[in-house]
Amino acid sequence: MPRLLVLLLSLLAQMAHAEHLRVQGSNTIGAALLPALVQAQLRARHATAIEQHPGQLANETVITARDSQGQPIRVDIAAHGSSTGFTALGRGEADLAAASRPINDSEAGQLRALGDLRGAAAEQVIGLDGVAVIVHPDNPLPQLTTAQLAQVFSGQIQRWEQLGIAGGTIHLYARDDRSGTYETFKALVLEPRHETLSATARRFESSDELAAQVGADRLAIGFSSLSAVHRAKVLAVAEGDAPAMLPERALVASEDYPLSRRLYFYLPANPKLQAKALADFAQSPAGQAIVAQQGFVSQQINAQPVTPLADMPPRYRALAQQAQRLSVNFRFQEGSASLDSKALRDVQRVAEYLRQAGKLNGKAVLVGFGDPKETPGRAALLSRLRAQAVRRELARDGVEVLQVMGMGDELPVAGNELEQGRLRNRRVEVWVD
């Protein structure tokens, strides 16, 4: 009897010391990126015996390991859609939620007891993605506007001939209702035009499965994460009068691509130490490298040349001739001149990039943009004020900006008919010589 008691006490002690992290939410993040981040973070902690196993249900993963003292570690990942992550947080069934779209007002209200989930500590952007519009590789169509996409996916346009190519009846493929990918597509394409998804669309929990089906169906059109395009053809997308864009990495990094989106971790107030450690690792250079390796777009800063074009405003064309643009745009909270949660972290990334490049003092130019205003000169003024706001934040990190420019409503990256387009046009670029 005493021996059994000793064994029981030993087992209870091991369970008390065991680490257990539960993550639920986005399939886009949870299918491959999240397991890769977890395993890399465990290796960075010198954990051993790291193993990955399928969970009880499809799109679930269990990762086990031993820490440096030999204690067991277990991480459970359930990747059934962004909305399921917020539900699990509220029920106490998850320590961290992964989401491929921002938390909505209803969810934020329901989870108020967990703290301000829109605060900078809770809402953490871990990477960027583009919702790719995909068709069969043999489809000759080069591009669509967001207005055409709304007509196609709502069922108003039902045949390929209506889009100017031969084919027949369009077959629609879409993610399921719990998916952040679907929520993003609905928010950016369908809802602004008061449309709903056609009941004829085939629905999928997994982006990989959807892309595989589109790649095998000559009449198909669908949308998926950029990381799950596989052999399908990707269409360029145009919004309003702005030029059509493919979800190229540089355009997703700057969030100029019309269907760009952010990938999030959401942590409650006073998070479990393991959850905070995973979020911190995801934000680190090592974590961002894994984001890129998994097919998404990292937030690491780099400089890239921009080809000067004849139709550029003269000041901007001169800048393109002598400087390079950094791979980030600063954007702002809706209805505010305050930087959003991603921009606040990007300030630190830009400052660190400039520090390492030896360009902290007088080497950076900030260029602000906005949307049209009725009062003459107001768009130029507001765009300059946005750039000044970024200048103040960078100054706190030791950056002395060479020049601030306000370009007003020139060079839009989206149409200004809808509020979402106007928000995307309100941005600040960083250039360095």
Protein backbone atom coordinates (compact mmCIF):
# COMPACT_ATOMS: atom_id res chain seq x y z
CA MET A 1 0.00 0.00 0.00
CA PRO A 2 2.72 2.56 0.84
CA ARG A 3 4.39 1.76 -2.50
CA LEU A 4 1.17 2.48 -4.40
CA LEU A 5 0.82 5.73 -2.52
CA VAL A 6 4.35 6.74 -3.45
CA LEU A 7 3.69 5.94 -7.13
CA LEU A 8 0.45 7.94 -7.04
CA LEU A 9 2.14 10.93 -5.42
CA SER A 10 4.94 10.72 -7.98
CA LEU A 11 2.43 10.69 -10.84
CA LEU A 12 0.54 13.65 -9.38
CA ALA A 13 3.81 15.57 -9.00
CA GLN A 14 4.69 14.93 -12.65
CA MET A 15 1.25 16.10 -13.76
CA ALA A 16 1.62 19.25 -11.66
CA HIS A 17 4.87 20.08 -13.41
CA ALA A 18 3.73 19.13 -16.91
CA GLU A 19 3.31 21.99 -19.39
CA HIS A 20 0.09 21.95 -21.35
CA LEU A 21 -0.72 24.59 -23.97
CA ARG A 22 -4.03 24.61 -25.84
CA VAL A 23 -4.37 26.57 -29.08
CA GLN A 24 -7.55 26.69 -31.16
CA GLY A 25 -8.69 28.63 -34.20
CA SER A 26 -7.63 29.26 -37.78
CA ASN A 27 -7.02 26.34 -40.10
CA THR A 28 -4.84 28.63 -42.24
CA ILE A 29 -2.48 29.07 -39.28
CA GLY A 30 -3.04 25.77 -37.53
CA ALA A 31 -2.55 23.39 -40.45
CA ALA A 32 1.23 23.83 -40.77
CA LEU A 33 2.48 27.22 -39.54
CA LEU A 34 1.47 26.79 -35.91
CA PRO A 35 3.00 23.31 -35.51
CA ALA A 36 6.20 24.60 -37.12
CA LEU A 37 6.33 27.56 -34.71
CA VAL A 38 5.67 25.34 -31.69
CA GLN A 39 8.39 22.86 -32.62
CA ALA A 40 10.94 25.60 -33.36
CA GLN A 41 10.18 27.33 -30.06
CA LEU A 42 10.62 24.02 -28.21
CA ARG A 43 13.98 23.46 -29.91
CA ALA A 44 15.03 26.98 -28.91
CA ARG A 45 14.27 25.99 -25.31
CA HIS A 46 16.48 22.88 -25.71
CA ALA A 47 13.49 20.56 -25.38
CA THR A 48 14.02 16.94 -26.39
CA ALA A 49 11.92 14.05 -27.72
CA ILE A 50 9.78 16.44 -29.79
CA GLU A 51 7.08 14.50 -31.61
CA GLN A 52 4.02 15.49 -33.64
CA HIS A 53 0.92 13.31 -33.85
CA PRO A 54 -2.53 13.70 -35.41
CA GLY A 55 -5.28 14.53 -32.91
CA GLN A 56 -8.57 12.79 -32.40
CA LEU A 57 -10.27 14.68 -35.24
CA ALA A 58 -9.19 15.93 -38.67
CA ASN A 59 -7.29 19.25 -38.53
CA GLU A 60 -6.12 18.58 -34.97
CA THR A 61 -2.48 18.09 -33.93
CA VAL A 62 -0.74 17.06 -30.72
CA ILE A 63 2.91 17.94 -30.09
CA THR A 64 4.76 16.35 -27.17
CA ALA A 65 8.26 16.91 -25.82
CA ARG A 66 10.44 16.98 -22.69
CA ASP A 67 11.87 20.18 -21.28
CA SER A 68 15.51 20.60 -20.23
CA GLN A 69 14.66 19.06 -16.81
CA GLY A 70 12.92 16.09 -18.42
CA GLN A 71 9.39 17.24 -17.55
CA PRO A 72 6.64 16.50 -20.10
CA ILE A 73 5.30 19.14 -22.47
CA ARG A 74 2.09 18.86 -24.47
CA VAL A 75 0.62 21.28 -27.01
CA ASP A 76 -2.85 20.63 -28.42
CA ILE A 77 -3.77 22.40 -31.66
CA ALA A 78 -7.34 22.39 -33.00
CA ALA A 79 -7.56 24.16 -36.36
CA HIS A 80 -11.27 24.30 -37.18
CA GLY A 81 -11.60 27.98 -38.10
CA SER A 82 -10.94 31.40 -36.59
CA SER A 83 -14.33 31.72 -34.90
CA THR A 84 -13.76 28.47 -32.99
CA GLY A 85 -10.66 29.99 -31.39
CA PHE A 86 -12.61 32.89 -29.88
CA THR A 87 -15.34 30.51 -28.71
CA ALA A 88 -12.74 28.26 -27.05
CA LEU A 89 -11.11 31.25 -25.31
CA GLY A 90 -14.48 32.22 -23.85
CA ARG A 91 -15.15 28.70 -22.61
CA GLY A 92 -11.71 28.37 -21.04
CA GLU A 93 -10.85 25.60 -23.49
CA ALA A 94 -7.92 27.44 -25.12
CA ASP A 95 -4.98 29.44 -23.79
CA LEU A 96 -4.40 31.23 -27.11
CA ALA A 97 -6.56 31.80 -30.17
CA ALA A 98 -5.17 31.79 -33.71
CA ALA A 99 -7.16 33.86 -36.21
CA SER A 100 -6.77 34.74 -39.86
CA ARG A 101 -9.05 37.76 -39.48
CA PRO A 102 -9.47 40.37 -36.73
CA ILE A 103 -11.77 39.81 -33.78
CA ASN A 104 -15.20 41.33 -34.42
CA ASP A 105 -17.22 43.62 -32.15
CA SER A 106 -19.52 40.84 -30.96
CA GLU A 107 -16.64 38.54 -30.02
CA ALA A 108 -14.71 41.35 -28.32
CA GLY A 109 -17.80 42.18 -26.25
CA GLN A 110 -18.46 38.58 -25.28
CA LEU A 111 -14.84 38.12 -24.21
CA ARG A 112 -14.55 41.39 -22.29
CA ALA A 113 -13.86 39.46 -19.08
CA LEU A 114 -10.56 38.31 -20.64
CA GLY A 115 -9.38 41.92 -21.09
CA ASP A 116 -9.18 44.25 -24.08
CA LEU A 117 -8.50 41.77 -26.87
CA ARG A 118 -7.85 44.65 -29.27
CA GLY A 119 -5.03 45.99 -27.12
CA ALA A 120 -1.45 45.75 -28.35
CA ALA A 121 -0.52 43.03 -25.81
CA ALA A 122 -3.54 40.86 -26.65
CA GLU A 123 -3.87 41.29 -30.42
CA GLN A 124 -0.59 40.28 -32.03
CA VAL A 125 -0.06 40.15 -35.79
CA ILE A 126 2.30 37.24 -36.42
CA GLY A 127 2.41 37.42 -40.22
CA LEU A 128 0.62 38.44 -43.40
CA ASP A 129 -1.26 36.52 -46.03
CA GLY A 130 -3.10 37.21 -49.25
CA VAL A 131 -6.46 35.65 -50.03
CA ALA A 132 -5.64 34.28 -53.47
CA VAL A 133 -8.38 33.97 -56.11
CA ILE A 134 -7.60 30.72 -57.92
CA VAL A 135 -8.75 28.95 -61.09
CA HIS A 136 -7.67 25.91 -63.09
CA PRO A 137 -4.16 26.29 -64.60
CA ASP A 138 -5.60 26.26 -68.15
CA ASN A 139 -8.03 29.12 -67.50
CA PRO A 140 -6.95 32.10 -69.70
CA LEU A 141 -8.58 34.78 -67.53
CA PRO A 142 -5.86 37.16 -66.20
CA GLN A 143 -7.71 39.25 -63.62
CA LEU A 144 -11.00 40.26 -62.02
CA THR A 145 -12.19 43.28 -60.08
CA THR A 146 -13.59 42.92 -56.59
CA ALA A 147 -16.98 43.96 -58.02
CA GLN A 148 -16.82 41.09 -60.53
CA LEU A 149 -15.79 38.68 -57.78
CA ALA A 150 -18.85 39.69 -55.78
CA GLN A 151 -21.07 39.01 -58.80
CA VAL A 152 -19.42 35.64 -59.46
CA PHE A 153 -19.52 34.32 -55.90
CA SER A 154 -23.06 35.59 -55.28
CA GLY A 155 -24.27 33.76 -58.39
CA GLN A 156 -25.15 36.82 -60.50
CA ILE A 157 -22.50 35.80 -63.03
CA GLN A 158 -22.90 32.08 -63.63
CA ARG A 159 -21.05 31.38 -66.89
CA TRP A 160 -17.46 31.97 -67.96
CA GLU A 161 -18.71 33.51 -71.19
CA GLN A 162 -20.03 36.45 -69.15
CA LEU A 163 -16.40 37.16 -68.23
CA GLY A 164 -15.25 37.05 -71.85
CA ILE A 165 -13.83 33.53 -72.09
CA ALA A 166 -15.17 30.19 -73.30
CA GLY A 167 -16.04 27.55 -70.77
CA GLY A 168 -19.54 26.98 -69.47
CA THR A 169 -21.10 27.03 -66.01
CA ILE A 170 -18.82 28.44 -63.30
CA HIS A 171 -18.16 26.05 -60.39
CA LEU A 172 -17.74 27.91 -57.09
CA TYR A 173 -15.44 26.72 -54.29
CA ALA A 174 -15.31 28.45 -50.90
CA ARG A 175 -14.12 27.91 -47.36
CA ASP A 176 -16.67 27.09 -44.65
CA ASP A 177 -18.41 29.59 -42.37
CA ARG A 178 -15.96 29.08 -39.48
CA SER A 179 -12.97 30.00 -41.63
CA GLY A 180 -11.13 33.29 -41.27
CA THR A 181 -10.32 33.05 -44.98
CA TYR A 182 -14.04 33.05 -45.77
CA GLU A 183 -14.69 35.85 -43.25
CA THR A 184 -11.98 37.94 -44.93
CA PHE A 185 -13.38 37.30 -48.41
CA LYS A 186 -16.90 38.06 -47.21
CA ALA A 187 -15.78 41.30 -45.52
CA LEU A 188 -13.66 42.55 -48.43
CA VAL A 189 -15.69 41.35 -51.41
CA LEU A 190 -19.28 40.37 -50.62
CA GLU A 191 -20.52 42.55 -47.76
CA PRO A 192 -19.44 45.95 -49.19
CA ARG A 193 -21.69 45.21 -52.15
CA HIS A 194 -24.48 43.73 -50.02
CA GLU A 195 -24.06 40.27 -51.53
CA THR A 196 -24.07 36.81 -49.99
CA LEU A 197 -22.32 33.63 -51.07
CA SER A 198 -24.24 31.52 -53.56
CA ALA A 199 -25.81 28.38 -52.15
CA THR A 200 -24.25 26.44 -55.04
CA ALA A 201 -20.71 26.94 -53.72
CA ARG A 202 -18.91 23.85 -52.46
CA ARG A 203 -17.52 24.49 -48.97
CA PHE A 204 -14.26 23.27 -47.42
CA GLU A 205 -12.72 23.37 -43.96
CA SER A 206 -9.22 23.07 -45.45
CA SER A 207 -7.55 25.47 -47.91
CA ASP A 208 -5.35 22.65 -49.17
CA GLU A 209 -8.32 20.48 -50.08
CA LEU A 210 -10.09 23.40 -51.77
CA ALA A 211 -7.05 24.27 -53.88
CA ALA A 212 -6.62 20.64 -54.92
CA GLN A 213 -10.21 20.51 -56.14
CA VAL A 214 -9.88 23.80 -58.07
CA GLY A 215 -6.69 22.54 -59.70
CA ALA A 216 -8.59 19.52 -61.01
CA ASP A 217 -11.72 21.32 -62.26
CA ARG A 218 -11.46 23.37 -65.48
CA LEU A 219 -14.65 25.30 -64.65
CA ALA A 220 -13.66 26.13 -61.07
CA ILE A 221 -12.97 29.37 -59.24
CA GLY A 222 -12.21 29.58 -55.55
CA PHE A 223 -10.20 31.42 -52.95
CA SER A 224 -7.60 30.20 -50.50
CA SER A 225 -4.66 31.26 -48.43
CA LEU A 226 -1.63 32.28 -50.49
CA SER A 227 0.25 29.44 -48.79
CA ALA A 228 -2.18 26.85 -50.14
CA VAL A 229 -2.39 27.73 -53.85
CA HIS A 230 -0.39 24.67 -54.96
CA ARG A 231 -0.86 24.05 -58.71
CA ALA A 232 -3.85 26.36 -59.25
CA LYS A 233 -3.55 29.58 -61.26
CA VAL A 234 -3.76 32.83 -59.28
CA LEU A 235 -5.71 35.78 -60.73
CA ALA A 236 -4.75 39.42 -60.30
CA VAL A 237 -7.36 41.47 -58.40
CA ALA A 238 -8.28 45.13 -58.90
CA GLU A 239 -10.29 47.37 -56.60
CA GLY A 240 -11.95 50.45 -58.03
CA ASP A 241 -9.69 52.44 -60.34
CA ALA A 242 -6.48 51.07 -58.79
CA PRO A 243 -4.36 48.73 -60.95
CA ALA A 244 -4.87 44.97 -60.74
CA MET A 245 -2.39 43.25 -58.45
CA LEU A 246 -1.22 39.70 -57.93
CA PRO A 247 -0.65 38.62 -54.32
CA GLU A 248 3.10 39.07 -54.66
CA ARG A 249 5.04 39.08 -51.42
CA ALA A 250 6.01 42.76 -51.62
CA LEU A 251 2.39 43.82 -52.23
CA VAL A 252 1.12 41.64 -49.38
CA ALA A 253 3.88 42.88 -47.05
CA SER A 254 2.82 46.49 -47.69
CA GLU A 255 -0.87 45.44 -47.59
CA ASP A 256 -1.42 47.11 -50.96
CA TYR A 257 -2.83 43.91 -52.50
CA PRO A 258 -6.64 44.29 -52.25
CA LEU A 259 -7.20 40.97 -50.45
CA SER A 260 -4.27 41.22 -48.05
CA ARG A 261 -4.96 40.12 -44.51
CA ARG A 262 -3.24 39.77 -41.18
CA LEU A 263 -2.66 36.59 -39.21
CA TYR A 264 -3.21 36.95 -35.47
CA PHE A 265 -2.55 35.44 -32.08
CA TYR A 266 -5.00 36.58 -29.39
CA LEU A 267 -3.99 36.28 -25.75
CA PRO A 268 -6.19 36.97 -22.71
CA ALA A 269 -5.06 39.30 -19.94
CA ASN A 270 -2.54 37.53 -17.67
CA PRO A 271 -1.90 34.81 -20.26
CA LYS A 272 -0.37 31.45 -19.48
CA LEU A 273 3.41 31.75 -19.59
CA GLN A 274 3.66 29.18 -22.39
CA ALA A 275 1.16 31.11 -24.52
CA LYS A 276 3.06 34.38 -24.10
CA ALA A 277 6.36 32.62 -24.83
CA LEU A 278 4.96 31.22 -28.09
CA ALA A 279 3.63 34.65 -29.13
CA ASP A 280 6.98 36.28 -28.32
CA PHE A 281 8.80 33.65 -30.36
CA ALA A 282 6.45 34.18 -33.32
CA GLN A 283 7.32 37.91 -33.27
CA SER A 284 11.07 37.25 -33.15
CA PRO A 285 13.31 37.11 -36.26
CA ALA A 286 13.48 33.32 -35.90
CA GLY A 287 9.69 33.09 -35.74
CA GLN A 288 9.23 35.42 -38.69
CA ALA A 289 11.65 33.30 -40.72
CA ILE A 290 9.36 30.32 -40.12
CA VAL A 291 6.34 32.39 -41.19
CA ALA A 292 8.11 32.95 -44.53
CA GLN A 293 9.23 29.31 -44.81
CA GLN A 294 5.62 28.19 -44.47
CA GLY A 295 4.53 30.25 -47.48
CA PHE A 296 3.23 33.34 -45.71
CA VAL A 297 4.72 36.84 -45.67
CA SER A 298 6.90 37.79 -42.73
CA GLN A 299 7.10 41.20 -41.10
CA GLN A 300 10.88 41.44 -41.30
CA ILE A 301 11.90 44.74 -42.89
CA ASN A 302 13.83 44.92 -46.14
CA ALA A 303 14.49 47.63 -48.73
CA GLN A 304 13.42 47.23 -52.33
CA PRO A 305 13.84 49.41 -55.43
CA VAL A 306 10.77 50.90 -57.09
CA THR A 307 10.84 51.48 -60.86
CA PRO A 308 10.27 55.18 -61.64
CA LEU A 309 7.29 55.58 -63.96
CA ALA A 310 6.33 58.52 -66.16
CA ASP A 311 2.87 58.87 -64.61
CA MET A 312 4.20 59.15 -61.05
CA PRO A 313 3.99 62.59 -59.38
CA PRO A 314 7.37 64.32 -59.93
CA ARG A 315 8.34 64.33 -56.23
CA TYR A 316 7.59 60.64 -55.93
CA ARG A 317 9.38 59.73 -59.17
CA ALA A 318 12.48 61.62 -57.97
CA LEU A 319 12.34 59.66 -54.71
CA ALA A 320 12.12 56.36 -56.61
CA GLN A 321 15.19 57.34 -58.66
CA GLN A 322 17.42 57.88 -55.65
CA ALA A 323 16.03 55.80 -52.76
CA GLN A 324 14.53 52.43 -51.90
CA ARG A 325 11.18 51.73 -50.26
CA LEU A 326 10.94 49.65 -47.10
CA SER A 327 8.61 46.65 -47.13
CA VAL A 328 6.03 48.05 -44.73
CA ASN A 329 3.22 50.58 -44.77
CA PHE A 330 2.07 52.19 -41.55
CA ARG A 331 -1.69 52.20 -41.15
CA PHE A 332 -4.00 53.65 -38.55
CA GLN A 333 -6.86 52.73 -36.27
CA GLU A 334 -10.24 53.18 -37.94
CA GLY A 335 -11.46 56.76 -37.54
CA SER A 336 -8.27 57.77 -35.73
CA ALA A 337 -4.86 59.32 -36.29
CA SER A 338 -3.33 56.73 -33.91
CA LEU A 339 -1.23 53.91 -35.29
CA ASP A 340 -2.85 50.48 -35.14
CA SER A 341 -1.44 47.55 -33.15
CA LYS A 342 0.65 46.22 -36.04
CA ALA A 343 2.07 49.66 -36.85
CA LEU A 344 3.28 50.11 -33.27
CA ARG A 345 5.38 46.95 -33.55
CA ASP A 346 6.49 47.96 -37.06
CA VAL A 347 7.93 51.16 -35.59
CA GLN A 348 10.29 48.99 -33.57
CA ARG A 349 11.14 46.84 -36.59
CA VAL A 350 11.88 49.85 -38.80
CA ALA A 351 14.02 51.45 -36.09
CA GLU A 352 16.00 48.25 -35.66
CA TYR A 353 16.47 47.91 -39.42
CA LEU A 354 17.75 51.49 -39.68
CA ARG A 355 20.00 50.96 -36.66
CA GLN A 356 21.61 47.89 -38.19
CA ALA A 357 21.95 49.64 -41.56
CA GLY A 358 23.59 52.67 -39.94
CA LYS A 359 20.78 54.94 -41.14
CA LEU A 360 19.22 56.20 -37.91
CA ASN A 361 20.06 59.83 -38.58
CA GLY A 362 18.74 61.74 -41.57
CA LYS A 363 18.40 58.85 -43.99
CA ALA A 364 14.67 58.07 -43.91
CA VAL A 365 11.88 59.84 -45.78
CA LEU A 366 8.23 59.39 -44.75
CA VAL A 367 5.56 59.71 -47.44
CA GLY A 368 1.93 60.01 -46.37
CA PHE A 369 -1.12 59.23 -48.52
CA GLY A 370 -4.86 59.59 -48.07
CA ASP A 371 -8.25 59.66 -49.73
CA PRO A 372 -9.98 62.59 -51.53
CA LYS A 373 -11.57 65.39 -49.47
CA GLU A 374 -14.02 68.08 -50.52
CA THR A 375 -11.93 70.92 -49.09
CA PRO A 376 -8.98 71.80 -51.38
CA GLY A 377 -5.65 70.90 -49.82
CA ARG A 378 -7.17 68.92 -46.95
CA ALA A 379 -6.12 65.50 -48.31
CA ALA A 380 -2.51 66.72 -48.62
CA LEU A 381 -2.61 68.14 -45.09
CA LEU A 382 -4.04 64.99 -43.52
CA SER A 383 -1.56 62.77 -45.35
CA ARG A 384 1.29 64.89 -44.04
CA LEU A 385 -0.13 64.74 -40.50
CA ARG A 386 -0.19 60.95 -40.71
CA ALA A 387 3.46 60.95 -41.72
CA GLN A 388 4.20 63.30 -38.83
CA ALA A 389 2.53 60.84 -36.43
CA VAL A 390 4.88 58.10 -37.66
CA ARG A 391 7.81 60.49 -37.32
CA ARG A 392 6.99 61.08 -33.64
CA GLU A 393 6.82 57.34 -32.91
CA LEU A 394 10.11 56.67 -34.71
CA ALA A 395 11.77 59.51 -32.80
CA ARG A 396 11.02 57.66 -29.55
CA ASP A 397 13.15 54.82 -30.90
CA GLY A 398 16.02 57.10 -31.83
CA VAL A 399 15.24 57.68 -35.53
CA GLU A 400 15.85 61.15 -36.96
CA VAL A 401 13.79 61.43 -40.16
CA LEU A 402 15.25 63.42 -43.05
CA GLN A 403 11.96 64.56 -44.63
CA VAL A 404 8.19 64.23 -44.34
CA MET A 405 6.01 64.44 -47.47
CA GLY A 406 2.24 64.53 -47.89
CA MET A 407 1.01 63.19 -51.24
CA GLY A 408 -2.70 63.63 -50.54
CA ASP A 409 -4.94 61.35 -52.59
CA GLU A 410 -2.35 60.60 -55.27
CA LEU A 411 -1.27 57.02 -56.13
CA PRO A 412 -4.25 55.20 -54.58
CA VAL A 413 -3.91 51.45 -54.00
CA ALA A 414 -7.69 51.00 -53.78
CA GLY A 415 -10.88 52.65 -54.93
CA ASN A 416 -12.33 55.39 -52.73
CA GLU A 417 -15.99 54.48 -53.25
CA LEU A 418 -16.02 52.17 -50.21
CA GLU A 419 -14.74 52.86 -46.71
CA GLN A 420 -12.41 49.83 -46.80
CA GLY A 421 -10.69 51.31 -49.85
CA ARG A 422 -10.33 54.72 -48.24
CA LEU A 423 -8.79 53.09 -45.17
CA ARG A 424 -6.20 51.27 -47.29
CA ASN A 425 -5.29 54.51 -49.09
CA ARG A 426 -4.53 56.18 -45.73
CA ARG A 427 -0.99 54.98 -45.32
CA VAL A 428 2.60 56.07 -44.72
CA GLU A 429 5.56 54.67 -46.69
CA VAL A 430 9.19 54.68 -45.54
CA TRP A 431 12.03 55.33 -48.01
CA VAL A 432 15.79 55.21 -47.36
CA ASP A 433 18.72 56.27 -49.56
